[in-house]
Amino acid sequence: MTLDRAVMIFAGCVVLLGLVLALTVHPYWLALTAFAGLNMIQSGFTGFCPAAILFKKLGVQPGTAFK
């Protein structure tokens, strides 16, 4: 698995987790979904992604987006 795919899978899981928690626990969990979305947008503009840095330190091989 490449770094690009790992970051996208992680972001998708965070979004889905936020939605499930908002539906089952408290609507304030939608803030997690909003944070994930805003982080994806800023990463698209700046190229800085904290999740990519973490996965890179864990040894995931870089793909084409995060070198």
Protein backbone atom coordinates (compact mmCIF):
# COMPACT_ATOMS: atom_id res chain seq x y z
CA MET A 1 0.00 0.00 0.00
CA THR A 2 1.28 3.45 -0.86
CA LEU A 3 1.22 6.54 1.31
CA ASP A 4 -1.44 8.13 -0.90
CA ARG A 5 -3.85 5.25 -0.43
CA ALA A 6 -3.16 5.04 3.31
CA VAL A 7 -3.95 8.74 3.78
CA MET A 8 -7.17 8.51 1.75
CA ILE A 9 -8.32 5.40 3.63
CA PHE A 10 -7.54 7.06 6.96
CA ALA A 11 -9.41 10.24 5.99
CA GLY A 12 -12.42 8.22 4.87
CA CYS A 13 -12.44 6.28 8.12
CA VAL A 14 -12.29 9.50 10.17
CA VAL A 15 -15.21 10.97 8.21
CA LEU A 16 -17.31 7.84 8.61
CA LEU A 17 -16.41 7.54 12.30
CA GLY A 18 -17.47 11.14 12.88
CA LEU A 19 -20.80 10.52 11.15
CA VAL A 20 -21.50 7.33 13.10
CA LEU A 21 -20.62 8.99 16.40
CA ALA A 22 -22.80 11.99 15.53
CA LEU A 23 -25.76 9.72 14.84
CA THR A 24 -25.31 7.47 17.86
CA VAL A 25 -23.66 9.59 20.58
CA HIS A 26 -23.95 13.35 20.09
CA PRO A 27 -24.24 15.72 17.10
CA TYR A 28 -21.10 17.57 18.21
CA TRP A 29 -19.12 14.67 16.71
CA LEU A 30 -19.82 16.28 13.34
CA ALA A 31 -16.94 18.59 14.27
CA LEU A 32 -14.61 15.61 13.67
CA THR A 33 -16.03 15.20 10.18
CA ALA A 34 -15.65 18.95 9.55
CA PHE A 35 -12.06 18.88 10.80
CA ALA A 36 -11.22 15.98 8.46
CA GLY A 37 -12.78 17.80 5.51
CA LEU A 38 -10.96 21.05 6.27
CA ASN A 39 -7.70 19.16 6.68
CA MET A 40 -8.16 17.51 3.26
CA ILE A 41 -8.84 20.89 1.67
CA GLN A 42 -5.78 22.57 3.22
CA SER A 43 -3.65 19.56 2.29
CA GLY A 44 -4.77 19.92 -1.30
CA PHE A 45 -3.69 23.55 -1.37
CA THR A 46 -0.51 23.40 0.70
CA GLY A 47 0.72 19.82 0.35
CA PHE A 48 1.12 19.59 4.15
CA CYS A 49 -0.66 16.59 5.65
CA PRO A 50 -0.05 15.48 9.25
CA ALA A 51 -1.39 11.99 8.50
CA ALA A 52 1.07 11.61 5.61
CA ILE A 53 3.95 12.57 7.91
CA LEU A 54 2.83 10.01 10.48
CA PHE A 55 2.41 7.22 7.92
CA LYS A 56 5.79 8.06 6.39
CA LYS A 57 7.43 7.71 9.83
CA LEU A 58 5.69 4.35 10.19
CA GLY A 59 7.43 3.18 7.03
CA VAL A 60 4.65 3.36 4.44
CA GLN A 61 6.19 3.79 0.97
CA PRO A 62 5.46 7.14 -0.72
CA GLY A 63 3.19 7.31 -3.74
CA THR A 64 2.87 10.08 -6.28
CA ALA A 65 1.02 12.68 -4.19
CA PHE A 66 3.09 12.77 -0.99
CA LYS A 67 6.81 12.65 -1.72
